[in-house]
Amino acid sequence: MLESTIQALASGRTILASGSPRRHAIMKQLVNNRTSNLFFLKATCIHAYGEPEQSRDDRSTDPVPPSLIIGADTMVTMGDVIYGKPQNEAEAFRMLSSLANKQHVVYTGVCLKTPKAELQFHESARVKFGDGIGGCLIERIEGDYYTITGLPLYSLAKQLNRMFANV
């Protein structure tokens, strides 16, 4: 079933509207590096089809519009506190320190946009931090690991299959 979705992605231009290296890697995993029609755009918000909010420096000069734009954003919450993306190492340290030995929820929202349709979905995963460094900091995950890293791969594949079912 995923093969037909990969073919649909390969037959047009797909833009991942994200500057996140992790999202780029996850997207390459999905297409198994089989399409050269995957472009990355350093933007986080798409106001209108094909019109990103910010820079277009990674956008292809091909005048053909994209057949699919994928946008995603991730946030961390603990109780009623919403954590934004840390702006520097000191802020990241403070954020991680406040999450130590506690459970928090990571949400990733995704928007899939084609010339004819738009589909939005989100996933969440619970993460329990213990004491540690790097990957050793994570004591337990309840949910999809890829939701935490910024692009819920299973749900993305499922929604793309749904979107491209009649292609």
C-alpha atoms as a PDB file:
ATOM      1  CA  MET A   1       0.000   0.000   0.000  1.00  0.00           C
ATOM      2  CA  LEU A   2       2.851   2.432   0.780  1.00  0.00           C
ATOM      3  CA  GLU A   3       4.404   1.742  -2.618  1.00  0.00           C
ATOM      4  CA  SER A   4       1.601   3.599  -4.443  1.00  0.00           C
ATOM      5  CA  THR A   5       2.063   6.576  -2.117  1.00  0.00           C
ATOM      6  CA  ILE A   6       5.807   6.590  -2.779  1.00  0.00           C
ATOM      7  CA  GLN A   7       5.054   6.498  -6.515  1.00  0.00           C
ATOM      8  CA  ALA A   8       2.672   9.452  -6.118  1.00  0.00           C
ATOM      9  CA  LEU A   9       5.370  11.354  -4.233  1.00  0.00           C
ATOM     10  CA  ALA A  10       7.956  10.485  -6.881  1.00  0.00           C
ATOM     11  CA  SER A  11       5.747  11.650  -9.757  1.00  0.00           C
ATOM     12  CA  GLY A  12       5.502  15.236  -8.502  1.00  0.00           C
ATOM     13  CA  ARG A  13       7.380  17.794  -6.447  1.00  0.00           C
ATOM     14  CA  THR A  14       7.089  17.353  -2.694  1.00  0.00           C
ATOM     15  CA  ILE A  15       8.161  20.169  -0.410  1.00  0.00           C
ATOM     16  CA  LEU A  16       8.851  19.659   3.265  1.00  0.00           C
ATOM     17  CA  ALA A  17       8.350  23.153   4.704  1.00  0.00           C
ATOM     18  CA  SER A  18      10.772  22.760   7.569  1.00  0.00           C
ATOM     19  CA  GLY A  19      14.341  23.633   8.350  1.00  0.00           C
ATOM     20  CA  SER A  20      14.591  20.724  10.794  1.00  0.00           C
ATOM     21  CA  PRO A  21      17.360  18.239   9.921  1.00  0.00           C
ATOM     22  CA  ARG A  22      15.448  15.552  11.866  1.00  0.00           C
ATOM     23  CA  ARG A  23      12.313  16.072   9.780  1.00  0.00           C
ATOM     24  CA  HIS A  24      14.415  15.925   6.613  1.00  0.00           C
ATOM     25  CA  ALA A  25      15.901  12.588   7.718  1.00  0.00           C
ATOM     26  CA  ILE A  26      12.484  11.172   8.648  1.00  0.00           C
ATOM     27  CA  MET A  27      11.027  12.226   5.302  1.00  0.00           C
ATOM     28  CA  LYS A  28      13.933  10.605   3.455  1.00  0.00           C
ATOM     29  CA  GLN A  29      13.203   7.432   5.437  1.00  0.00           C
ATOM     30  CA  LEU A  30       9.606   7.489   4.223  1.00  0.00           C
ATOM     31  CA  VAL A  31      10.563   7.744   0.567  1.00  0.00           C
ATOM     32  CA  ASN A  32      13.562   5.450   1.108  1.00  0.00           C
ATOM     33  CA  ASN A  33      15.759   7.945  -0.790  1.00  0.00           C
ATOM     34  CA  ARG A  34      13.968   6.895  -3.994  1.00  0.00           C
ATOM     35  CA  THR A  35      12.763  10.271  -5.174  1.00  0.00           C
ATOM     36  CA  SER A  36      14.786  13.243  -6.298  1.00  0.00           C
ATOM     37  CA  ASN A  37      11.588  15.337  -6.247  1.00  0.00           C
ATOM     38  CA  LEU A  38      11.810  15.996  -2.519  1.00  0.00           C
ATOM     39  CA  PHE A  39      12.709  19.582  -1.688  1.00  0.00           C
ATOM     40  CA  PHE A  40      13.288  21.196   1.672  1.00  0.00           C
ATOM     41  CA  LEU A  41      12.142  24.692   2.456  1.00  0.00           C
ATOM     42  CA  LYS A  42      13.255  26.719   5.459  1.00  0.00           C
ATOM     43  CA  ALA A  43       9.799  27.842   6.563  1.00  0.00           C
ATOM     44  CA  THR A  44       7.393  26.862   9.273  1.00  0.00           C
ATOM     45  CA  CYS A  45       4.146  28.432   8.136  1.00  0.00           C
ATOM     46  CA  ILE A  46       2.417  28.262   4.784  1.00  0.00           C
ATOM     47  CA  HIS A  47      -0.068  31.095   4.334  1.00  0.00           C
ATOM     48  CA  ALA A  48      -1.375  30.025   0.943  1.00  0.00           C
ATOM     49  CA  TYR A  49      -0.614  27.180  -1.429  1.00  0.00           C
ATOM     50  CA  GLY A  50       2.994  27.448  -2.463  1.00  0.00           C
ATOM     51  CA  GLU A  51       3.570  30.688  -0.567  1.00  0.00           C
ATOM     52  CA  PRO A  52       5.724  30.079   2.506  1.00  0.00           C
ATOM     53  CA  GLU A  53       6.063  32.672   5.212  1.00  0.00           C
ATOM     54  CA  GLN A  54       9.830  32.992   5.046  1.00  0.00           C
ATOM     55  CA  SER A  55      12.908  32.166   3.014  1.00  0.00           C
ATOM     56  CA  ARG A  56      12.769  30.253  -0.235  1.00  0.00           C
ATOM     57  CA  ASP A  57      16.474  29.643  -0.603  1.00  0.00           C
ATOM     58  CA  ASP A  58      16.085  25.838  -0.793  1.00  0.00           C
ATOM     59  CA  ARG A  59      13.159  26.017  -3.225  1.00  0.00           C
ATOM     60  CA  SER A  60      13.672  24.621  -6.694  1.00  0.00           C
ATOM     61  CA  THR A  61      13.746  27.113  -9.563  1.00  0.00           C
ATOM     62  CA  ASP A  62      11.409  24.774 -11.457  1.00  0.00           C
ATOM     63  CA  PRO A  63       8.266  26.773 -12.318  1.00  0.00           C
ATOM     64  CA  VAL A  64       6.102  23.674 -11.830  1.00  0.00           C
ATOM     65  CA  PRO A  65       4.149  24.034  -8.587  1.00  0.00           C
ATOM     66  CA  PRO A  66       4.581  21.379  -5.909  1.00  0.00           C
ATOM     67  CA  SER A  67       2.173  18.460  -5.877  1.00  0.00           C
ATOM     68  CA  LEU A  68       2.448  18.225  -2.084  1.00  0.00           C
ATOM     69  CA  ILE A  69       3.583  20.527   0.693  1.00  0.00           C
ATOM     70  CA  ILE A  70       4.171  19.068   4.141  1.00  0.00           C
ATOM     71  CA  GLY A  71       4.379  21.359   7.145  1.00  0.00           C
ATOM     72  CA  ALA A  72       4.871  20.310  10.768  1.00  0.00           C
ATOM     73  CA  ASP A  73       5.448  21.874  14.142  1.00  0.00           C
ATOM     74  CA  THR A  74       6.209  20.343  17.528  1.00  0.00           C
ATOM     75  CA  MET A  75       5.666  21.627  21.045  1.00  0.00           C
ATOM     76  CA  VAL A  76       6.302  20.335  24.538  1.00  0.00           C
ATOM     77  CA  THR A  77       3.867  20.771  27.411  1.00  0.00           C
ATOM     78  CA  MET A  78       4.006  19.924  31.089  1.00  0.00           C
ATOM     79  CA  GLY A  79       0.846  20.643  33.030  1.00  0.00           C
ATOM     80  CA  ASP A  80      -0.358  23.986  31.744  1.00  0.00           C
ATOM     81  CA  VAL A  81       3.116  25.163  30.705  1.00  0.00           C
ATOM     82  CA  ILE A  82       3.898  25.263  26.978  1.00  0.00           C
ATOM     83  CA  TYR A  83       7.596  25.188  26.106  1.00  0.00           C
ATOM     84  CA  GLY A  84       8.749  26.909  22.952  1.00  0.00           C
ATOM     85  CA  LYS A  85      11.851  26.071  20.988  1.00  0.00           C
ATOM     86  CA  PRO A  86      14.919  27.046  23.026  1.00  0.00           C
ATOM     87  CA  GLN A  87      16.752  29.989  21.483  1.00  0.00           C
ATOM     88  CA  ASN A  88      20.169  29.072  22.875  1.00  0.00           C
ATOM     89  CA  GLU A  89      22.041  26.473  24.917  1.00  0.00           C
ATOM     90  CA  ALA A  90      21.316  28.150  28.251  1.00  0.00           C
ATOM     91  CA  GLU A  91      17.582  28.183  27.541  1.00  0.00           C
ATOM     92  CA  ALA A  92      17.727  24.539  26.397  1.00  0.00           C
ATOM     93  CA  PHE A  93      19.520  23.592  29.621  1.00  0.00           C
ATOM     94  CA  ARG A  94      16.883  25.381  31.736  1.00  0.00           C
ATOM     95  CA  MET A  95      14.087  23.675  29.813  1.00  0.00           C
ATOM     96  CA  LEU A  96      15.604  20.198  30.139  1.00  0.00           C
ATOM     97  CA  SER A  97      16.351  20.792  33.817  1.00  0.00           C
ATOM     98  CA  SER A  98      12.714  21.720  34.474  1.00  0.00           C
ATOM     99  CA  LEU A  99      11.591  18.497  32.766  1.00  0.00           C
ATOM    100  CA  ALA A 100      14.032  16.248  34.670  1.00  0.00           C
ATOM    101  CA  ASN A 101      12.378  13.400  36.591  1.00  0.00           C
ATOM    102  CA  LYS A 102       8.975  14.453  35.263  1.00  0.00           C
ATOM    103  CA  GLN A 103       6.552  13.380  32.579  1.00  0.00           C
ATOM    104  CA  HIS A 104       5.636  15.764  29.792  1.00  0.00           C
ATOM    105  CA  VAL A 105       3.670  15.574  26.538  1.00  0.00           C
ATOM    106  CA  VAL A 106       5.069  16.262  23.071  1.00  0.00           C
ATOM    107  CA  TYR A 107       2.609  17.261  20.342  1.00  0.00           C
ATOM    108  CA  THR A 108       3.383  17.363  16.639  1.00  0.00           C
ATOM    109  CA  GLY A 109       0.871  18.866  14.246  1.00  0.00           C
ATOM    110  CA  VAL A 110       1.118  18.167  10.512  1.00  0.00           C
ATOM    111  CA  CYS A 111      -0.498  19.795   7.494  1.00  0.00           C
ATOM    112  CA  LEU A 112      -0.542  18.082   4.089  1.00  0.00           C
ATOM    113  CA  LYS A 113      -1.496  20.375   1.224  1.00  0.00           C
ATOM    114  CA  THR A 114      -2.030  19.519  -2.442  1.00  0.00           C
ATOM    115  CA  PRO A 115      -3.556  21.710  -5.162  1.00  0.00           C
ATOM    116  CA  LYS A 116      -6.919  20.042  -4.465  1.00  0.00           C
ATOM    117  CA  ALA A 117      -6.948  19.118  -0.785  1.00  0.00           C
ATOM    118  CA  GLU A 118      -5.655  19.963   2.648  1.00  0.00           C
ATOM    119  CA  LEU A 119      -5.436  17.532   5.519  1.00  0.00           C
ATOM    120  CA  GLN A 120      -4.363  18.299   9.076  1.00  0.00           C
ATOM    121  CA  PHE A 121      -3.655  15.932  11.936  1.00  0.00           C
ATOM    122  CA  HIS A 122      -1.687  15.788  15.148  1.00  0.00           C
ATOM    123  CA  GLU A 123      -0.150  13.164  17.369  1.00  0.00           C
ATOM    124  CA  SER A 124       1.026  13.233  20.947  1.00  0.00           C
ATOM    125  CA  ALA A 125       3.452  11.168  22.974  1.00  0.00           C
ATOM    126  CA  ARG A 126       4.228  11.125  26.675  1.00  0.00           C
ATOM    127  CA  VAL A 127       7.867  11.275  27.674  1.00  0.00           C
ATOM    128  CA  LYS A 128       9.313  10.636  31.131  1.00  0.00           C
ATOM    129  CA  PHE A 129      12.742  12.076  31.745  1.00  0.00           C
ATOM    130  CA  GLY A 130      15.001  10.590  34.381  1.00  0.00           C
ATOM    131  CA  ASP A 131      18.499  11.679  35.289  1.00  0.00           C
ATOM    132  CA  GLY A 132      20.992  11.357  32.494  1.00  0.00           C
ATOM    133  CA  ILE A 133      22.607  12.890  29.445  1.00  0.00           C
ATOM    134  CA  GLY A 134      21.414  12.732  25.835  1.00  0.00           C
ATOM    135  CA  GLY A 135      19.432   9.578  25.037  1.00  0.00           C
ATOM    136  CA  CYS A 136      20.055   8.327  28.584  1.00  0.00           C
ATOM    137  CA  LEU A 137      17.839  11.170  29.802  1.00  0.00           C
ATOM    138  CA  ILE A 138      14.719   9.424  28.465  1.00  0.00           C
ATOM    139  CA  GLU A 139      13.320   6.925  30.933  1.00  0.00           C
ATOM    140  CA  ARG A 140      10.088   6.057  29.098  1.00  0.00           C
ATOM    141  CA  ILE A 141       8.080   6.936  25.977  1.00  0.00           C
ATOM    142  CA  GLU A 142       4.374   6.265  25.549  1.00  0.00           C
ATOM    143  CA  GLY A 143       3.547   6.824  21.896  1.00  0.00           C
ATOM    144  CA  ASP A 144       5.368   7.208  18.605  1.00  0.00           C
ATOM    145  CA  TYR A 145       9.066   8.056  18.873  1.00  0.00           C
ATOM    146  CA  TYR A 146       8.827   9.973  15.586  1.00  0.00           C
ATOM    147  CA  THR A 147       6.175  12.273  17.078  1.00  0.00           C
ATOM    148  CA  ILE A 148       8.809  13.332  19.585  1.00  0.00           C
ATOM    149  CA  THR A 149      11.453  13.887  16.921  1.00  0.00           C
ATOM    150  CA  GLY A 150       9.124  16.094  14.887  1.00  0.00           C
ATOM    151  CA  LEU A 151       7.308  14.089  12.196  1.00  0.00           C
ATOM    152  CA  PRO A 152       5.001  11.205  13.221  1.00  0.00           C
ATOM    153  CA  LEU A 153       6.089   8.738  10.554  1.00  0.00           C
ATOM    154  CA  TYR A 154       3.376   6.087  10.988  1.00  0.00           C
ATOM    155  CA  SER A 155       0.532   8.614  10.977  1.00  0.00           C
ATOM    156  CA  LEU A 156       2.133  10.549   8.124  1.00  0.00           C
ATOM    157  CA  ALA A 157       2.303   7.401   5.977  1.00  0.00           C
ATOM    158  CA  LYS A 158      -1.284   6.509   6.903  1.00  0.00           C
ATOM    159  CA  GLN A 159      -2.583   9.987   6.018  1.00  0.00           C
ATOM    160  CA  LEU A 160      -0.587  10.103   2.767  1.00  0.00           C
ATOM    161  CA  ASN A 161      -2.049   6.715   1.814  1.00  0.00           C
ATOM    162  CA  ARG A 162      -5.501   8.137   2.490  1.00  0.00           C
ATOM    163  CA  MET A 163      -4.748  11.303   0.516  1.00  0.00           C
ATOM    164  CA  PHE A 164      -3.288   9.462  -2.484  1.00  0.00           C
ATOM    165  CA  ALA A 165      -5.743   6.535  -2.458  1.00  0.00           C
ATOM    166  CA  ASN A 166      -7.470   7.758  -5.623  1.00  0.00           C
ATOM    167  CA  VAL A 167      -4.364   8.942  -7.476  1.00  0.00           C
END
